[in-house]
Amino acid sequence: MKVDKPTLSQLFDYYGELLTVKQRECFDLYCNEDDTLAEIAELLGISRQGVFDAVRRSEEQLLRLEAVTGCLARERKIAETAQLLRALADQVRSAAPAELPGLADRLAAAAEAL
């Protein structure tokens, strides 16, 4: 499964400490610093293939950890729900009294989604 760099970076923020030191170092330079495999290999004194393998294993491990714990997915769901709640709160502020029961139902549904 191909995952974009911003998502991998977020996964690294959650689970990076669970990687080996070598994996963490290679992955951080590749994903967060946007260094090339060749640049990382030269910097760390290892082969380009060694960097590639460390980055690939890191991605796999991060994805496995997310599949088990779901921390990033949960954070994203909370952020989406918070955005929805803010929008509903704005609607409540300007709603006519007859609209309030419907908005209250939508607020309750949003809260249940968490």
Protein backbone atom coordinates (compact mmCIF):
# COMPACT_ATOMS: atom_id res chain seq x y z
CA MET A 1 0.00 0.00 0.00
CA LYS A 2 1.46 3.36 -1.06
CA VAL A 3 1.11 6.10 1.54
CA ASP A 4 2.00 9.76 0.99
CA LYS A 5 4.89 11.40 2.83
CA PRO A 6 2.75 13.69 5.00
CA THR A 7 0.86 10.66 6.35
CA LEU A 8 4.10 8.76 6.90
CA SER A 9 5.50 11.77 8.72
CA GLN A 10 2.48 11.82 11.02
CA LEU A 11 2.84 8.10 11.65
CA PHE A 12 6.51 8.70 12.45
CA ASP A 13 5.47 11.33 15.00
CA TYR A 14 3.32 8.73 16.75
CA TYR A 15 5.41 5.62 16.47
CA GLY A 16 8.94 6.72 15.56
CA GLU A 17 10.37 5.88 18.96
CA LEU A 18 9.40 2.26 18.38
CA LEU A 19 11.74 1.98 15.38
CA THR A 20 15.39 1.03 15.70
CA VAL A 21 17.85 3.89 15.93
CA LYS A 22 19.06 3.23 12.36
CA GLN A 23 15.51 3.07 11.00
CA ARG A 24 14.53 6.22 12.86
CA GLU A 25 17.55 8.12 11.60
CA CYS A 26 17.16 7.03 7.96
CA PHE A 27 13.42 7.54 7.92
CA ASP A 28 13.59 10.99 9.50
CA LEU A 29 16.17 12.17 6.99
CA TYR A 30 14.25 10.68 4.07
CA CYS A 31 10.70 11.60 4.99
CA ASN A 32 10.98 14.72 7.14
CA GLU A 33 14.19 16.29 5.82
CA ASP A 34 13.51 15.17 2.22
CA ASP A 35 17.08 13.97 1.72
CA THR A 36 17.76 11.51 -1.09
CA LEU A 37 18.83 7.94 -0.42
CA ALA A 38 22.29 8.78 -1.76
CA GLU A 39 22.60 11.83 0.52
CA ILE A 40 21.57 9.78 3.56
CA ALA A 41 23.94 6.96 2.63
CA GLU A 42 26.85 9.37 2.39
CA LEU A 43 25.90 11.14 5.63
CA LEU A 44 25.56 7.92 7.61
CA GLY A 45 28.36 6.01 5.92
CA ILE A 46 26.18 3.14 4.73
CA SER A 47 25.12 1.91 1.31
CA ARG A 48 22.23 3.39 -0.62
CA GLN A 49 20.62 -0.06 -0.53
CA GLY A 50 20.99 -0.10 3.27
CA VAL A 51 19.18 3.23 3.48
CA PHE A 52 16.47 2.00 1.12
CA ASP A 53 15.94 -1.15 3.19
CA ALA A 54 15.81 0.80 6.46
CA VAL A 55 13.26 3.26 5.05
CA ARG A 56 11.13 0.46 3.57
CA ARG A 57 11.15 -1.51 6.83
CA SER A 58 10.30 1.66 8.73
CA GLU A 59 7.30 2.35 6.50
CA GLU A 60 6.09 -1.22 6.93
CA GLN A 61 6.48 -1.05 10.71
CA LEU A 62 4.72 2.30 10.98
CA LEU A 63 1.81 1.02 8.91
CA ARG A 64 1.57 -2.15 11.02
CA LEU A 65 1.53 -0.11 14.21
CA GLU A 66 -1.22 2.14 12.86
CA ALA A 67 -3.23 -0.90 11.75
CA VAL A 68 -3.08 -2.26 15.31
CA THR A 69 -3.56 0.94 17.32
CA GLY A 70 -5.36 3.32 14.94
CA CYS A 71 -3.99 6.42 16.70
CA LEU A 72 -3.69 8.56 13.57
CA ALA A 73 -7.11 7.50 12.28
CA ARG A 74 -8.64 8.34 15.65
CA GLU A 75 -6.94 11.74 15.75
CA ARG A 76 -8.20 12.53 12.25
CA LYS A 77 -11.76 11.51 13.19
CA ILE A 78 -11.63 13.71 16.29
CA ALA A 79 -10.37 16.66 14.22
CA GLU A 80 -13.13 16.20 11.63
CA THR A 81 -15.77 15.96 14.35
CA ALA A 82 -14.41 19.03 16.11
CA GLN A 83 -14.63 20.95 12.84
CA LEU A 84 -18.23 19.79 12.39
CA LEU A 85 -19.09 20.80 15.96
CA ARG A 86 -17.62 24.28 15.42
CA ALA A 87 -19.69 24.68 12.25
CA LEU A 88 -22.83 23.54 14.07
CA ALA A 89 -22.12 25.92 16.95
CA ASP A 90 -21.94 28.79 14.43
CA GLN A 91 -25.29 27.69 13.01
CA VAL A 92 -26.81 27.58 16.50
CA ARG A 93 -25.71 31.16 17.15
CA SER A 94 -27.63 32.44 14.13
CA ALA A 95 -30.51 29.95 14.06
CA ALA A 96 -34.14 30.78 14.49
CA PRO A 97 -35.75 29.13 17.53
CA ALA A 98 -37.63 26.66 15.31
CA GLU A 99 -34.31 25.40 13.88
CA LEU A 100 -32.74 24.65 17.26
CA PRO A 101 -34.17 21.14 17.78
CA GLY A 102 -32.76 19.98 14.44
CA LEU A 103 -29.37 21.49 15.20
CA ALA A 104 -29.42 19.86 18.64
CA ASP A 105 -30.00 16.50 16.97
CA ARG A 106 -27.05 17.08 14.63
CA LEU A 107 -24.86 18.06 17.59
CA ALA A 108 -25.84 14.89 19.42
CA ALA A 109 -25.11 12.78 16.34
CA ALA A 110 -21.68 14.39 15.97
CA ALA A 111 -20.89 13.69 19.60
CA GLU A 112 -21.97 10.07 19.16
CA ALA A 113 -19.59 9.71 16.24
CA LEU A 114 -16.69 10.11 18.63
